[in-house]
Amino acid sequence: MHSEGRSTDGRAEDIARLRRVSLATDYAASINLQERERVRIGFDLHDGPAQTMSAALLQVRMLDDLEGDDLKRGLGDLRSTLAVALEEIYELIESLGGRGSVDDDLVSRVRSCVEGFAARSGIEPTLVIEGDIGTGSPSLQIAVFRIVQEALSNVVRHSGAKHVDVRLQMSSGGVVCEIADDGKGFTLNQALGSHGNRDPYGLHSMRERARMLDGECVVDSSPGSGTRIRVEIPAWQA
């Protein structure tokens, strides 16, 4: 009897230890994901509003030497540049979740994201939504939304696509999401292994978001064949 008691205690300790390891692993992945996103925000600020504001500053300096109609044209160009900078800032705010309510469901947020993508990029999207999110936890909904957001951002920046399909299938068992474009595609191993480039941050972040909820994110792409991202995340209660 005494031996059985010790065996039971040992199994309980093993289970507790595995849980601690799992929590520590997820915590480390979460910190890693947050750090990557901070780096990406820095890239976005540098390559977007900062560059545009720098151009605006140069235009202001040039105005000192202008008069009459040339000055009017110069002021018009400056207004256009500042409008671009403001739009870039709004886009960054939107990418961080600054527009809309955090209480919006996944369908509403994905619809809004796709509509904003179409308006900004001029790329034609098709959105198909099937099923109901049902009991999907906030963590699941946020993860799927961020993956869609990241995928569409990559389409704008890198794909050269004319069309993108977004399909969202929801059930009590979880969510399946696909984002496919007709762009130039890329070699996945090279993208994941590149340095000094923000592409890998987006690819890794999508995968980590899915993995942390026991899901999977598969990226299928090759040069000249577009890119397809498939995400499957089971229902998960935070």
C-alpha atoms as a PDB file:
ATOM      1  CA  MET A   1       0.000   0.000   0.000  1.00  0.00           C
ATOM      2  CA  HIS A   2       2.786   2.360   0.939  1.00  0.00           C
ATOM      3  CA  SER A   3       4.502   1.711  -2.405  1.00  0.00           C
ATOM      4  CA  GLU A   4       1.288   2.486  -4.323  1.00  0.00           C
ATOM      5  CA  GLY A   5       0.909   5.746  -2.432  1.00  0.00           C
ATOM      6  CA  ARG A   6       4.385   6.852  -3.378  1.00  0.00           C
ATOM      7  CA  SER A   7       3.748   5.896  -7.011  1.00  0.00           C
ATOM      8  CA  THR A   8       0.580   7.999  -7.087  1.00  0.00           C
ATOM      9  CA  ASP A   9       2.428  10.911  -5.528  1.00  0.00           C
ATOM     10  CA  GLY A  10       5.172  10.530  -8.120  1.00  0.00           C
ATOM     11  CA  ARG A  11       2.717  10.642 -10.990  1.00  0.00           C
ATOM     12  CA  ALA A  12       1.091  13.751  -9.521  1.00  0.00           C
ATOM     13  CA  GLU A  13       4.491  15.409  -9.234  1.00  0.00           C
ATOM     14  CA  ASP A  14       5.294  14.496 -12.856  1.00  0.00           C
ATOM     15  CA  ILE A  15       2.003  15.978 -14.050  1.00  0.00           C
ATOM     16  CA  ALA A  16       2.576  19.139 -12.026  1.00  0.00           C
ATOM     17  CA  ARG A  17       6.122  19.434 -13.393  1.00  0.00           C
ATOM     18  CA  LEU A  18       4.919  19.020 -16.981  1.00  0.00           C
ATOM     19  CA  ARG A  19       2.307  21.706 -16.422  1.00  0.00           C
ATOM     20  CA  ARG A  20       4.942  24.083 -15.075  1.00  0.00           C
ATOM     21  CA  VAL A  21       7.177  23.401 -18.074  1.00  0.00           C
ATOM     22  CA  SER A  22       4.256  23.962 -20.451  1.00  0.00           C
ATOM     23  CA  LEU A  23       3.320  27.245 -18.775  1.00  0.00           C
ATOM     24  CA  ALA A  24       6.932  28.393 -18.818  1.00  0.00           C
ATOM     25  CA  THR A  25       7.227  27.530 -22.516  1.00  0.00           C
ATOM     26  CA  ASP A  26       4.045  29.415 -23.387  1.00  0.00           C
ATOM     27  CA  TYR A  27       5.164  32.387 -21.295  1.00  0.00           C
ATOM     28  CA  ALA A  28       8.518  32.472 -23.087  1.00  0.00           C
ATOM     29  CA  ALA A  29       6.775  32.263 -26.463  1.00  0.00           C
ATOM     30  CA  SER A  30       4.433  35.085 -25.449  1.00  0.00           C
ATOM     31  CA  ILE A  31       7.361  37.318 -24.445  1.00  0.00           C
ATOM     32  CA  ASN A  32       9.162  36.441 -27.682  1.00  0.00           C
ATOM     33  CA  LEU A  33       6.062  37.300 -29.712  1.00  0.00           C
ATOM     34  CA  GLN A  34       5.662  40.638 -27.910  1.00  0.00           C
ATOM     35  CA  GLU A  35       9.304  41.505 -28.569  1.00  0.00           C
ATOM     36  CA  ARG A  36       8.987  40.693 -32.262  1.00  0.00           C
ATOM     37  CA  GLU A  37       5.890  42.857 -32.515  1.00  0.00           C
ATOM     38  CA  ARG A  38       7.699  45.765 -30.863  1.00  0.00           C
ATOM     39  CA  VAL A  39      10.478  45.422 -33.436  1.00  0.00           C
ATOM     40  CA  ARG A  40       7.926  45.358 -36.251  1.00  0.00           C
ATOM     41  CA  ILE A  41       6.196  48.463 -34.899  1.00  0.00           C
ATOM     42  CA  GLY A  42       9.587  50.184 -34.947  1.00  0.00           C
ATOM     43  CA  PHE A  43      10.044  49.175 -38.590  1.00  0.00           C
ATOM     44  CA  ASP A  44       6.558  50.435 -39.429  1.00  0.00           C
ATOM     45  CA  LEU A  45       7.182  53.788 -37.780  1.00  0.00           C
ATOM     46  CA  HIS A  46      10.572  54.189 -39.427  1.00  0.00           C
ATOM     47  CA  ASP A  47       9.533  53.178 -42.929  1.00  0.00           C
ATOM     48  CA  GLY A  48       6.145  54.910 -42.805  1.00  0.00           C
ATOM     49  CA  PRO A  49       5.349  58.132 -40.903  1.00  0.00           C
ATOM     50  CA  ALA A  50       8.989  58.928 -40.065  1.00  0.00           C
ATOM     51  CA  GLN A  51      10.061  58.852 -43.712  1.00  0.00           C
ATOM     52  CA  THR A  52       7.045  60.862 -44.827  1.00  0.00           C
ATOM     53  CA  MET A  53       7.574  63.492 -42.117  1.00  0.00           C
ATOM     54  CA  SER A  54      11.221  63.735 -43.151  1.00  0.00           C
ATOM     55  CA  ALA A  55      10.098  64.471 -46.707  1.00  0.00           C
ATOM     56  CA  ALA A  56       7.668  67.091 -45.363  1.00  0.00           C
ATOM     57  CA  LEU A  57      10.504  68.783 -43.464  1.00  0.00           C
ATOM     58  CA  LEU A  58      12.539  69.034 -46.666  1.00  0.00           C
ATOM     59  CA  GLN A  59       9.544  70.573 -48.427  1.00  0.00           C
ATOM     60  CA  VAL A  60       9.177  73.167 -45.664  1.00  0.00           C
ATOM     61  CA  ARG A  61      12.819  74.173 -46.100  1.00  0.00           C
ATOM     62  CA  MET A  62      12.334  74.549 -49.844  1.00  0.00           C
ATOM     63  CA  LEU A  63       9.393  76.920 -49.303  1.00  0.00           C
ATOM     64  CA  ASP A  64      11.768  79.582 -47.970  1.00  0.00           C
ATOM     65  CA  ASP A  65      13.002  80.208 -51.519  1.00  0.00           C
ATOM     66  CA  LEU A  66       9.614  80.219 -53.236  1.00  0.00           C
ATOM     67  CA  GLU A  67       7.194  83.008 -54.067  1.00  0.00           C
ATOM     68  CA  GLY A  68       3.876  83.462 -55.843  1.00  0.00           C
ATOM     69  CA  ASP A  69       2.519  80.491 -57.747  1.00  0.00           C
ATOM     70  CA  ASP A  70       5.561  78.387 -56.908  1.00  0.00           C
ATOM     71  CA  LEU A  71       4.873  78.927 -53.215  1.00  0.00           C
ATOM     72  CA  LYS A  72       1.230  77.944 -53.652  1.00  0.00           C
ATOM     73  CA  ARG A  73       2.229  74.743 -55.450  1.00  0.00           C
ATOM     74  CA  GLY A  74       4.814  74.033 -52.781  1.00  0.00           C
ATOM     75  CA  LEU A  75       2.219  74.460 -50.027  1.00  0.00           C
ATOM     76  CA  GLY A  76      -0.127  72.162 -51.902  1.00  0.00           C
ATOM     77  CA  ASP A  77       2.573  69.483 -52.128  1.00  0.00           C
ATOM     78  CA  LEU A  78       3.286  69.900 -48.419  1.00  0.00           C
ATOM     79  CA  ARG A  79      -0.379  69.444 -47.539  1.00  0.00           C
ATOM     80  CA  SER A  80      -0.464  66.256 -49.617  1.00  0.00           C
ATOM     81  CA  THR A  81       2.635  64.911 -47.891  1.00  0.00           C
ATOM     82  CA  LEU A  82       1.238  65.649 -44.433  1.00  0.00           C
ATOM     83  CA  ALA A  83      -2.049  63.983 -45.409  1.00  0.00           C
ATOM     84  CA  VAL A  84      -0.106  60.854 -46.370  1.00  0.00           C
ATOM     85  CA  ALA A  85       1.745  60.916 -43.035  1.00  0.00           C
ATOM     86  CA  LEU A  86      -1.546  61.234 -41.159  1.00  0.00           C
ATOM     87  CA  GLU A  87      -3.048  58.305 -43.074  1.00  0.00           C
ATOM     88  CA  GLU A  88       0.019  56.187 -42.308  1.00  0.00           C
ATOM     89  CA  ILE A  89      -0.378  56.950 -38.608  1.00  0.00           C
ATOM     90  CA  TYR A  90      -4.079  56.021 -38.749  1.00  0.00           C
ATOM     91  CA  GLU A  91      -3.167  52.741 -40.467  1.00  0.00           C
ATOM     92  CA  LEU A  92      -0.660  51.979 -37.730  1.00  0.00           C
ATOM     93  CA  ILE A  93      -3.263  52.769 -35.060  1.00  0.00           C
ATOM     94  CA  GLU A  94      -5.720  50.466 -36.806  1.00  0.00           C
ATOM     95  CA  SER A  95      -3.137  47.676 -37.006  1.00  0.00           C
ATOM     96  CA  LEU A  96      -2.717  47.932 -33.229  1.00  0.00           C
ATOM     97  CA  GLY A  97      -6.454  47.597 -32.683  1.00  0.00           C
ATOM     98  CA  GLY A  98      -7.172  51.261 -32.100  1.00  0.00           C
ATOM     99  CA  ARG A  99     -10.310  51.351 -34.228  1.00  0.00           C
ATOM    100  CA  GLY A 100     -13.455  49.534 -33.296  1.00  0.00           C
ATOM    101  CA  SER A 101     -14.475  48.021 -30.015  1.00  0.00           C
ATOM    102  CA  VAL A 102     -12.626  45.205 -28.294  1.00  0.00           C
ATOM    103  CA  ASP A 103     -16.109  43.771 -27.738  1.00  0.00           C
ATOM    104  CA  ASP A 104     -16.628  43.288 -31.485  1.00  0.00           C
ATOM    105  CA  ASP A 105     -16.876  39.631 -32.455  1.00  0.00           C
ATOM    106  CA  LEU A 106     -14.455  37.938 -34.812  1.00  0.00           C
ATOM    107  CA  VAL A 107     -16.716  38.278 -37.853  1.00  0.00           C
ATOM    108  CA  SER A 108     -17.127  42.041 -37.375  1.00  0.00           C
ATOM    109  CA  ARG A 109     -13.416  42.577 -36.876  1.00  0.00           C
ATOM    110  CA  VAL A 110     -12.423  40.487 -39.890  1.00  0.00           C
ATOM    111  CA  ARG A 111     -15.006  42.239 -42.105  1.00  0.00           C
ATOM    112  CA  SER A 112     -13.701  45.632 -40.995  1.00  0.00           C
ATOM    113  CA  CYS A 113     -10.113  44.527 -41.561  1.00  0.00           C
ATOM    114  CA  VAL A 114     -10.827  43.281 -45.104  1.00  0.00           C
ATOM    115  CA  GLU A 115     -12.784  46.440 -45.983  1.00  0.00           C
ATOM    116  CA  GLY A 116      -9.936  48.638 -44.735  1.00  0.00           C
ATOM    117  CA  PHE A 117      -7.441  46.526 -46.661  1.00  0.00           C
ATOM    118  CA  ALA A 118      -9.406  46.987 -49.908  1.00  0.00           C
ATOM    119  CA  ALA A 119      -9.737  50.744 -49.412  1.00  0.00           C
ATOM    120  CA  ARG A 120      -6.032  51.255 -48.687  1.00  0.00           C
ATOM    121  CA  SER A 121      -4.447  48.839 -51.126  1.00  0.00           C
ATOM    122  CA  GLY A 122      -6.709  48.823 -54.177  1.00  0.00           C
ATOM    123  CA  ILE A 123      -6.372  45.013 -54.161  1.00  0.00           C
ATOM    124  CA  GLU A 124      -9.670  43.220 -54.710  1.00  0.00           C
ATOM    125  CA  PRO A 125     -10.608  40.910 -51.823  1.00  0.00           C
ATOM    126  CA  THR A 126     -13.169  38.135 -51.592  1.00  0.00           C
ATOM    127  CA  LEU A 127     -14.430  37.319 -48.101  1.00  0.00           C
ATOM    128  CA  VAL A 128     -16.338  34.116 -47.359  1.00  0.00           C
ATOM    129  CA  ILE A 129     -17.575  33.451 -43.820  1.00  0.00           C
ATOM    130  CA  GLU A 130     -19.165  30.146 -42.868  1.00  0.00           C
ATOM    131  CA  GLY A 131     -20.631  29.054 -39.540  1.00  0.00           C
ATOM    132  CA  ASP A 132     -20.798  30.795 -36.193  1.00  0.00           C
ATOM    133  CA  ILE A 133     -18.000  31.562 -33.743  1.00  0.00           C
ATOM    134  CA  GLY A 134     -20.165  30.121 -30.980  1.00  0.00           C
ATOM    135  CA  THR A 135     -18.164  29.489 -27.817  1.00  0.00           C
ATOM    136  CA  GLY A 136     -14.802  30.602 -29.183  1.00  0.00           C
ATOM    137  CA  SER A 137     -12.791  32.249 -26.425  1.00  0.00           C
ATOM    138  CA  PRO A 138     -11.539  35.850 -26.667  1.00  0.00           C
ATOM    139  CA  SER A 139      -7.999  34.453 -27.000  1.00  0.00           C
ATOM    140  CA  LEU A 140      -8.979  32.408 -30.038  1.00  0.00           C
ATOM    141  CA  GLN A 141     -10.811  35.292 -31.684  1.00  0.00           C
ATOM    142  CA  ILE A 142      -7.963  37.742 -31.127  1.00  0.00           C
ATOM    143  CA  ALA A 143      -5.388  35.269 -32.444  1.00  0.00           C
ATOM    144  CA  VAL A 144      -7.341  34.610 -35.659  1.00  0.00           C
ATOM    145  CA  PHE A 145      -7.989  38.314 -36.220  1.00  0.00           C
ATOM    146  CA  ARG A 146      -4.304  39.203 -35.750  1.00  0.00           C
ATOM    147  CA  ILE A 147      -3.245  36.449 -38.144  1.00  0.00           C
ATOM    148  CA  VAL A 148      -5.665  37.710 -40.813  1.00  0.00           C
ATOM    149  CA  GLN A 149      -4.437  41.251 -40.206  1.00  0.00           C
ATOM    150  CA  GLU A 150      -0.786  40.237 -40.500  1.00  0.00           C
ATOM    151  CA  ALA A 151      -1.394  38.150 -43.618  1.00  0.00           C
ATOM    152  CA  LEU A 152      -3.189  41.006 -45.395  1.00  0.00           C
ATOM    153  CA  SER A 153      -0.462  43.437 -44.376  1.00  0.00           C
ATOM    154  CA  ASN A 154       2.104  41.144 -45.998  1.00  0.00           C
ATOM    155  CA  VAL A 155      -0.027  40.964 -49.150  1.00  0.00           C
ATOM    156  CA  VAL A 156       0.075  44.764 -49.442  1.00  0.00           C
ATOM    157  CA  ARG A 157       3.779  45.084 -48.765  1.00  0.00           C
ATOM    158  CA  HIS A 158       5.303  42.192 -50.619  1.00  0.00           C
ATOM    159  CA  SER A 159       3.015  40.178 -52.901  1.00  0.00           C
ATOM    160  CA  GLY A 160       2.205  42.411 -55.856  1.00  0.00           C
ATOM    161  CA  ALA A 161      -1.155  40.630 -55.896  1.00  0.00           C
ATOM    162  CA  LYS A 162      -4.288  41.780 -57.692  1.00  0.00           C
ATOM    163  CA  HIS A 163      -6.687  39.623 -55.706  1.00  0.00           C
ATOM    164  CA  VAL A 164      -6.833  37.920 -52.328  1.00  0.00           C
ATOM    165  CA  ASP A 165      -9.327  35.384 -50.981  1.00  0.00           C
ATOM    166  CA  VAL A 166     -10.143  35.259 -47.267  1.00  0.00           C
ATOM    167  CA  ARG A 167     -12.187  32.305 -46.005  1.00  0.00           C
ATOM    168  CA  LEU A 168     -13.306  31.908 -42.406  1.00  0.00           C
ATOM    169  CA  GLN A 169     -14.966  28.671 -41.278  1.00  0.00           C
ATOM    170  CA  MET A 170     -16.219  28.586 -37.690  1.00  0.00           C
ATOM    171  CA  SER A 171     -17.831  25.950 -35.515  1.00  0.00           C
ATOM    172  CA  SER A 172     -17.998  24.854 -31.910  1.00  0.00           C
ATOM    173  CA  GLY A 173     -14.878  22.807 -32.636  1.00  0.00           C
ATOM    174  CA  GLY A 174     -12.743  25.787 -33.597  1.00  0.00           C
ATOM    175  CA  VAL A 175     -11.782  28.015 -36.508  1.00  0.00           C
ATOM    176  CA  VAL A 176     -10.227  27.352 -39.905  1.00  0.00           C
ATOM    177  CA  CYS A 177      -9.012  30.388 -41.825  1.00  0.00           C
ATOM    178  CA  GLU A 178      -7.363  30.671 -45.239  1.00  0.00           C
ATOM    179  CA  ILE A 179      -5.817  33.720 -46.885  1.00  0.00           C
ATOM    180  CA  ALA A 180      -4.701  33.170 -50.489  1.00  0.00           C
ATOM    181  CA  ASP A 181      -3.324  35.719 -52.968  1.00  0.00           C
ATOM    182  CA  ASP A 182      -2.329  35.642 -56.634  1.00  0.00           C
ATOM    183  CA  GLY A 183       0.931  37.498 -56.071  1.00  0.00           C
ATOM    184  CA  LYS A 184       4.540  36.721 -56.904  1.00  0.00           C
ATOM    185  CA  GLY A 185       5.074  34.314 -54.010  1.00  0.00           C
ATOM    186  CA  PHE A 186       8.398  33.572 -52.345  1.00  0.00           C
ATOM    187  CA  THR A 187      10.687  30.809 -51.158  1.00  0.00           C
ATOM    188  CA  LEU A 188       9.648  30.025 -47.609  1.00  0.00           C
ATOM    189  CA  ASN A 189      13.004  28.787 -46.304  1.00  0.00           C
ATOM    190  CA  GLN A 190      14.764  31.897 -47.546  1.00  0.00           C
ATOM    191  CA  ALA A 191      12.141  34.176 -46.011  1.00  0.00           C
ATOM    192  CA  LEU A 192      12.314  32.455 -42.626  1.00  0.00           C
ATOM    193  CA  GLY A 193      16.092  32.452 -42.636  1.00  0.00           C
ATOM    194  CA  SER A 194      16.676  36.015 -43.837  1.00  0.00           C
ATOM    195  CA  HIS A 195      18.192  38.694 -41.638  1.00  0.00           C
ATOM    196  CA  GLY A 196      17.692  42.436 -41.578  1.00  0.00           C
ATOM    197  CA  ASN A 197      14.221  41.933 -42.971  1.00  0.00           C
ATOM    198  CA  ARG A 198      10.877  42.186 -41.219  1.00  0.00           C
ATOM    199  CA  ASP A 199       9.195  39.403 -43.237  1.00  0.00           C
ATOM    200  CA  PRO A 200      10.247  36.605 -40.846  1.00  0.00           C
ATOM    201  CA  TYR A 201       8.727  38.458 -37.884  1.00  0.00           C
ATOM    202  CA  GLY A 202       5.292  38.310 -39.453  1.00  0.00           C
ATOM    203  CA  LEU A 203       5.599  34.659 -40.452  1.00  0.00           C
ATOM    204  CA  HIS A 204       6.867  33.614 -37.043  1.00  0.00           C
ATOM    205  CA  SER A 205       4.248  35.650 -35.186  1.00  0.00           C
ATOM    206  CA  MET A 206       1.396  34.029 -37.120  1.00  0.00           C
ATOM    207  CA  ARG A 207       2.750  30.578 -36.357  1.00  0.00           C
ATOM    208  CA  GLU A 208       3.309  31.348 -32.684  1.00  0.00           C
ATOM    209  CA  ARG A 209      -0.181  32.774 -32.229  1.00  0.00           C
ATOM    210  CA  ALA A 210      -1.662  29.542 -33.575  1.00  0.00           C
ATOM    211  CA  ARG A 211       0.735  27.265 -31.686  1.00  0.00           C
ATOM    212  CA  MET A 212       0.047  28.893 -28.327  1.00  0.00           C
ATOM    213  CA  LEU A 213      -3.606  27.862 -28.705  1.00  0.00           C
ATOM    214  CA  ASP A 214      -2.766  24.299 -29.790  1.00  0.00           C
ATOM    215  CA  GLY A 215      -3.371  25.254 -33.406  1.00  0.00           C
ATOM    216  CA  GLU A 216      -1.377  25.270 -36.608  1.00  0.00           C
ATOM    217  CA  CYS A 217      -0.478  27.882 -39.214  1.00  0.00           C
ATOM    218  CA  VAL A 218       0.809  26.558 -42.539  1.00  0.00           C
ATOM    219  CA  VAL A 219       2.324  28.872 -45.148  1.00  0.00           C
ATOM    220  CA  ASP A 220       2.440  27.544 -48.720  1.00  0.00           C
ATOM    221  CA  SER A 221       4.229  29.691 -51.277  1.00  0.00           C
ATOM    222  CA  SER A 222       6.642  29.485 -54.186  1.00  0.00           C
ATOM    223  CA  PRO A 223       7.935  32.073 -56.670  1.00  0.00           C
ATOM    224  CA  GLY A 224       5.315  32.876 -59.286  1.00  0.00           C
ATOM    225  CA  SER A 225       2.567  30.879 -57.586  1.00  0.00           C
ATOM    226  CA  GLY A 226       1.151  33.237 -54.979  1.00  0.00           C
ATOM    227  CA  THR A 227       0.831  32.488 -51.277  1.00  0.00           C
ATOM    228  CA  ARG A 228      -1.697  30.529 -49.244  1.00  0.00           C
ATOM    229  CA  ILE A 229      -1.881  30.658 -45.461  1.00  0.00           C
ATOM    230  CA  ARG A 230      -4.051  28.115 -43.655  1.00  0.00           C
ATOM    231  CA  VAL A 231      -4.749  28.432 -39.949  1.00  0.00           C
ATOM    232  CA  GLU A 232      -6.540  25.852 -37.808  1.00  0.00           C
ATOM    233  CA  ILE A 233      -7.184  26.569 -34.130  1.00  0.00           C
ATOM    234  CA  PRO A 234      -9.357  24.309 -31.978  1.00  0.00           C
ATOM    235  CA  ALA A 235     -11.887  25.767 -29.560  1.00  0.00           C
ATOM    236  CA  TRP A 236      -9.955  26.809 -26.474  1.00  0.00           C
ATOM    237  CA  GLN A 237     -11.214  28.313 -23.241  1.00  0.00           C
ATOM    238  CA  ALA A 238      -8.899  30.821 -21.571  1.00  0.00           C
END
